[in-house]
Amino acid sequence: MGDWVHYLPIKWMALVIFTIVYLTAIVIFTIVMTLAKKGERAKAFKGLTSGLLSPLGAIFGLLVVFIVFQVFSDFDRAKMAVDREASAIRTVVLLAISFPGEPENQIRNRIRRHVDESVSLEWPAMAKQAATVKVAAPALSEALRVALFLTPRNDGQILARNEIVKELEIAMDARRERINLSRSTVNWVKWMCMFAQAVCTLVAIAMIHSDNRAAAAIAMGIFATGVAVSGLLIASHDRPFSGQIRVEPDVLLHVRPE
């Protein structure tokens, strides 16, 4: 599926996918019905049994399930990574109160900067699958250095510092995971296999019903609609941080310290 399709609003994405699938079905219908007018080919087409459609449809369904499982799994993992990062950041902000004054302000300022940079810089980059983990989050790294150089004065502050360090590491790990997941996509081999199986099934439907054009058109139209719906479902969730249906940074903004 082309990159440009993933950036379309759902209604335009649906229009493109349904148009492609229906045009393919119309071309197949026209070719098969034209060939069916000739005696030998018509006899060969009629020799096909309707039992062929069951395994073809089952294989197509399995391919769709296989791809949908990957897409939804990556999407859910991306949401969980963002939630985990936000939860860790919220904990750091709460624990920073244990070091009132300049240390708390330094940690809060760096957390605020990290959220702002994530929203304004990393999210657009992730939408284009251009974000990379080669560059560590500078604000989180600075916050971690501040936490490591804190001087606890009692057992409570020792525990708070250790927890701050741990939660910052969790936040950095969650950031790496969401950036890695932003590059997740259904590769062209899976798309080609799914649509090739759909074409094979449409051809089989047209051949089996070649002696009844109306029945062939209805059956192909129903199956083509199912193919288009499957394609739309996958394409709209294919990239967790791209398109109209995507993981937003709302939870990070909610934990952003003022």
Protein backbone atom coordinates (compact mmCIF):
# COMPACT_ATOMS: atom_id res chain seq x y z
CA MET A 1 0.00 0.00 0.00
CA GLY A 2 1.44 3.39 -1.00
CA ASP A 3 2.65 5.77 1.71
CA TRP A 4 0.31 8.53 0.52
CA VAL A 5 -2.76 6.39 1.22
CA HIS A 6 -1.93 6.23 4.94
CA TYR A 7 -2.09 10.03 5.26
CA LEU A 8 -5.57 10.32 3.74
CA PRO A 9 -8.68 10.95 5.86
CA ILE A 10 -10.71 7.77 6.35
CA LYS A 11 -13.41 8.75 3.84
CA TRP A 12 -10.86 9.39 1.08
CA MET A 13 -8.91 6.27 2.00
CA ALA A 14 -12.15 4.28 1.73
CA LEU A 15 -12.91 5.87 -1.65
CA VAL A 16 -9.48 4.96 -3.03
CA ILE A 17 -9.51 1.37 -1.75
CA PHE A 18 -13.11 0.64 -2.79
CA THR A 19 -12.49 2.16 -6.23
CA ILE A 20 -9.37 0.03 -6.80
CA VAL A 21 -11.09 -3.17 -5.67
CA TYR A 22 -14.30 -2.57 -7.64
CA LEU A 23 -12.38 -1.63 -10.80
CA THR A 24 -10.34 -4.83 -10.46
CA ALA A 25 -13.53 -6.86 -10.09
CA ILE A 26 -15.07 -5.15 -13.16
CA VAL A 27 -11.98 -5.88 -15.27
CA ILE A 28 -11.98 -9.54 -14.18
CA PHE A 29 -15.72 -9.81 -14.86
CA THR A 30 -15.35 -8.31 -18.35
CA ILE A 31 -12.41 -10.51 -19.33
CA VAL A 32 -13.94 -13.74 -18.05
CA MET A 33 -17.35 -13.07 -19.61
CA THR A 34 -15.72 -12.20 -22.92
CA LEU A 35 -13.70 -15.43 -22.89
CA ALA A 36 -16.77 -17.43 -21.84
CA LYS A 37 -18.47 -16.62 -25.15
CA LYS A 38 -16.10 -19.00 -26.95
CA GLY A 39 -17.11 -22.63 -26.92
CA GLU A 40 -14.04 -24.41 -25.55
CA ARG A 41 -13.37 -21.85 -22.85
CA ALA A 42 -17.04 -21.77 -21.83
CA LYS A 43 -17.01 -25.56 -21.44
CA ALA A 44 -13.81 -25.35 -19.35
CA PHE A 45 -15.30 -22.67 -17.11
CA LYS A 46 -18.46 -24.70 -16.54
CA GLY A 47 -16.29 -27.65 -15.56
CA LEU A 48 -15.15 -25.82 -12.45
CA THR A 49 -16.96 -26.81 -9.28
CA SER A 50 -18.35 -24.35 -6.75
CA GLY A 51 -16.48 -26.31 -4.08
CA LEU A 52 -13.36 -24.45 -5.21
CA LEU A 53 -14.67 -21.23 -3.68
CA SER A 54 -14.68 -22.53 -0.11
CA PRO A 55 -10.90 -23.15 0.22
CA LEU A 56 -10.10 -19.96 -1.71
CA GLY A 57 -12.28 -17.90 0.63
CA ALA A 58 -10.85 -19.66 3.68
CA ILE A 59 -7.28 -18.92 2.60
CA PHE A 60 -8.16 -15.26 2.01
CA GLY A 61 -9.78 -15.10 5.44
CA LEU A 62 -6.72 -16.60 7.11
CA LEU A 63 -4.45 -14.07 5.39
CA VAL A 64 -6.65 -11.21 6.60
CA VAL A 65 -6.70 -12.55 10.16
CA PHE A 66 -2.92 -12.99 10.11
CA ILE A 67 -2.35 -9.39 8.97
CA VAL A 68 -5.03 -7.87 11.22
CA PHE A 69 -3.54 -9.61 14.25
CA GLN A 70 -0.14 -7.99 13.56
CA VAL A 71 -1.67 -4.55 12.91
CA PHE A 72 -3.87 -4.49 16.01
CA SER A 73 -1.10 -5.94 18.18
CA ASP A 74 1.33 -3.20 17.12
CA PHE A 75 -1.34 -0.53 17.60
CA ASP A 76 -2.14 -1.73 21.14
CA ARG A 77 1.56 -1.99 22.01
CA ALA A 78 2.09 1.58 20.80
CA LYS A 79 -0.74 2.84 23.04
CA MET A 80 0.66 0.90 25.99
CA ALA A 81 4.15 2.31 25.40
CA VAL A 82 2.84 5.89 25.44
CA ASP A 83 0.75 5.16 28.55
CA ARG A 84 3.79 3.62 30.26
CA GLU A 85 5.93 6.64 29.42
CA ALA A 86 3.27 9.02 30.74
CA SER A 87 2.84 6.99 33.93
CA ALA A 88 6.59 7.02 34.59
CA ILE A 89 6.80 10.76 33.94
CA ARG A 90 3.89 11.40 36.31
CA THR A 91 5.61 9.40 39.03
CA VAL A 92 8.85 11.37 38.55
CA VAL A 93 6.99 14.67 38.85
CA LEU A 94 5.28 13.54 42.06
CA LEU A 95 8.50 12.22 43.61
CA ALA A 96 10.41 15.39 42.69
CA ILE A 97 8.44 17.12 45.45
CA SER A 98 10.68 15.24 47.88
CA PHE A 99 13.53 17.56 46.82
CA PRO A 100 11.97 21.03 47.12
CA GLY A 101 13.63 24.05 45.63
CA GLU A 102 16.12 24.03 42.77
CA PRO A 103 16.36 20.20 42.35
CA GLU A 104 12.59 19.91 41.96
CA ASN A 105 12.49 22.81 39.50
CA GLN A 106 15.29 21.32 37.42
CA ILE A 107 13.53 17.96 37.14
CA ARG A 108 10.15 19.54 36.37
CA ASN A 109 11.65 21.84 33.72
CA ARG A 110 13.34 18.94 31.95
CA ILE A 111 10.21 16.81 32.07
CA ARG A 112 8.22 19.71 30.64
CA ARG A 113 10.79 20.12 27.88
CA HIS A 114 10.69 16.41 27.08
CA VAL A 115 6.91 16.44 26.68
CA ASP A 116 7.05 19.56 24.48
CA GLU A 117 9.77 18.06 22.27
CA SER A 118 7.93 14.75 22.03
CA VAL A 119 4.72 16.43 20.89
CA SER A 120 6.21 19.04 18.55
CA LEU A 121 9.16 17.12 17.09
CA GLU A 122 8.94 13.37 17.68
CA TRP A 123 5.24 12.83 16.89
CA PRO A 124 5.44 14.42 13.40
CA ALA A 125 8.65 12.43 12.75
CA MET A 126 6.99 9.20 13.90
CA ALA A 127 4.05 9.90 11.60
CA LYS A 128 6.51 9.96 8.69
CA GLN A 129 8.38 6.92 10.10
CA ALA A 130 11.47 9.15 10.32
CA ALA A 131 12.03 9.09 14.09
CA THR A 132 15.10 7.23 15.33
CA VAL A 133 16.32 5.88 18.66
CA LYS A 134 19.94 6.68 17.75
CA VAL A 135 19.48 10.04 19.47
CA ALA A 136 18.57 9.72 23.13
CA ALA A 137 15.91 12.01 24.55
CA PRO A 138 18.07 14.95 25.67
CA ALA A 139 15.66 16.29 28.28
CA LEU A 140 15.15 12.86 29.90
CA SER A 141 18.90 12.25 29.89
CA GLU A 142 19.48 15.58 31.64
CA ALA A 143 16.74 14.79 34.18
CA LEU A 144 18.43 11.45 34.85
CA ARG A 145 21.78 13.18 35.46
CA VAL A 146 20.11 15.62 37.84
CA ALA A 147 18.52 12.71 39.73
CA LEU A 148 21.81 10.81 39.98
CA PHE A 149 23.56 13.85 41.49
CA LEU A 150 20.85 14.52 44.08
CA THR A 151 22.09 14.48 47.67
CA PRO A 152 19.53 12.71 49.88
CA ARG A 153 19.34 13.84 53.50
CA ASN A 154 17.15 11.08 54.90
CA ASP A 155 15.84 7.63 54.12
CA GLY A 156 12.75 9.04 52.43
CA GLN A 157 14.83 11.06 49.98
CA ILE A 158 17.08 8.06 49.30
CA LEU A 159 14.03 6.01 48.36
CA ALA A 160 12.59 8.88 46.31
CA ARG A 161 15.85 9.35 44.37
CA ASN A 162 16.06 5.64 43.58
CA GLU A 163 12.47 5.62 42.38
CA ILE A 164 13.03 8.73 40.25
CA VAL A 165 16.00 7.09 38.55
CA LYS A 166 14.03 3.89 37.97
CA GLU A 167 11.00 5.71 36.53
CA LEU A 168 13.17 7.84 34.25
CA GLU A 169 14.73 4.68 32.87
CA ILE A 170 11.24 3.25 32.33
CA ALA A 171 10.22 6.43 30.49
CA MET A 172 13.29 6.24 28.25
CA ASP A 173 12.61 2.58 27.51
CA ALA A 174 8.95 3.33 26.68
CA ARG A 175 10.07 6.14 24.37
CA ARG A 176 12.40 3.77 22.52
CA GLU A 177 9.55 1.27 22.16
CA ARG A 178 7.09 3.79 20.72
CA ILE A 179 9.68 5.05 18.23
CA ASN A 180 10.45 1.48 17.15
CA LEU A 181 6.73 0.77 16.78
CA SER A 182 6.28 3.92 14.71
CA ARG A 183 8.24 2.12 11.98
CA SER A 184 5.88 -0.85 12.11
CA THR A 185 3.95 -1.47 8.89
CA VAL A 186 2.48 -4.26 6.79
CA ASN A 187 5.16 -5.02 4.21
CA TRP A 188 4.45 -5.23 0.51
CA VAL A 189 4.72 -9.04 0.45
CA LYS A 190 1.72 -9.41 2.80
CA TRP A 191 -0.31 -6.86 0.82
CA MET A 192 0.50 -8.64 -2.45
CA CYS A 193 -0.37 -12.08 -1.05
CA MET A 194 -3.71 -10.84 0.28
CA PHE A 195 -4.75 -9.09 -2.92
CA ALA A 196 -3.43 -11.93 -5.12
CA GLN A 197 -5.63 -14.35 -3.18
CA ALA A 198 -8.56 -11.95 -3.56
CA VAL A 199 -7.99 -11.77 -7.34
CA CYS A 200 -7.82 -15.58 -7.58
CA THR A 201 -11.12 -15.86 -5.72
CA LEU A 202 -12.80 -13.22 -7.93
CA VAL A 203 -11.58 -15.03 -11.05
CA ALA A 204 -12.94 -18.33 -9.72
CA ILE A 205 -16.32 -16.74 -8.93
CA ALA A 206 -16.55 -15.26 -12.42
CA MET A 207 -15.63 -18.58 -14.09
CA ILE A 208 -18.01 -20.71 -12.05
CA HIS A 209 -20.92 -18.33 -12.75
CA SER A 210 -19.88 -17.54 -16.34
CA ASP A 211 -23.19 -18.93 -17.64
CA ASN A 212 -25.15 -16.49 -15.44
CA ARG A 213 -23.84 -12.95 -15.71
CA ALA A 214 -26.21 -11.54 -13.09
CA ALA A 215 -25.26 -14.17 -10.50
CA ALA A 216 -21.56 -13.61 -11.26
CA ALA A 217 -21.90 -9.83 -10.88
CA ILE A 218 -23.74 -10.15 -7.56
CA ALA A 219 -21.34 -12.72 -6.10
CA MET A 220 -18.27 -10.77 -7.23
CA GLY A 221 -19.73 -7.52 -5.88
CA ILE A 222 -20.33 -9.05 -2.46
CA PHE A 223 -16.85 -10.57 -2.25
CA ALA A 224 -15.20 -7.38 -3.60
CA THR A 225 -16.94 -5.38 -0.86
CA GLY A 226 -15.51 -7.75 1.75
CA VAL A 227 -12.04 -7.37 0.25
CA ALA A 228 -12.32 -3.57 0.25
CA VAL A 229 -13.56 -3.49 3.87
CA SER A 230 -10.66 -5.72 4.93
CA GLY A 231 -8.17 -3.51 3.09
CA LEU A 232 -9.61 -0.36 4.67
CA LEU A 233 -9.48 -1.87 8.17
CA ILE A 234 -5.83 -2.84 7.75
CA ALA A 235 -4.69 0.35 6.01
CA SER A 236 -6.37 2.64 8.58
CA HIS A 237 -4.54 0.92 11.48
CA ASP A 238 -1.39 -0.10 9.61
CA ARG A 239 0.87 2.57 11.10
CA PRO A 240 0.23 3.33 14.81
CA PHE A 241 1.30 6.99 14.61
CA SER A 242 0.15 7.88 11.07
CA GLY A 243 -3.18 8.67 9.48
CA GLN A 244 -6.50 9.72 10.97
CA ILE A 245 -6.64 6.74 13.35
CA ARG A 246 -3.41 6.98 15.33
CA VAL A 247 -1.97 7.08 18.82
CA GLU A 248 -2.04 10.66 20.07
CA PRO A 249 0.25 12.25 22.72
CA ASP A 250 -2.73 13.29 24.86
CA VAL A 251 -1.66 11.29 27.91
CA LEU A 252 1.78 12.92 27.82
CA LEU A 253 0.20 16.36 27.72
CA HIS A 254 -1.97 15.43 30.70
CA VAL A 255 1.08 14.69 32.87
CA ARG A 256 3.08 17.71 31.64
CA PRO A 257 4.09 19.76 34.71
CA GLU A 258 2.95 23.36 34.65
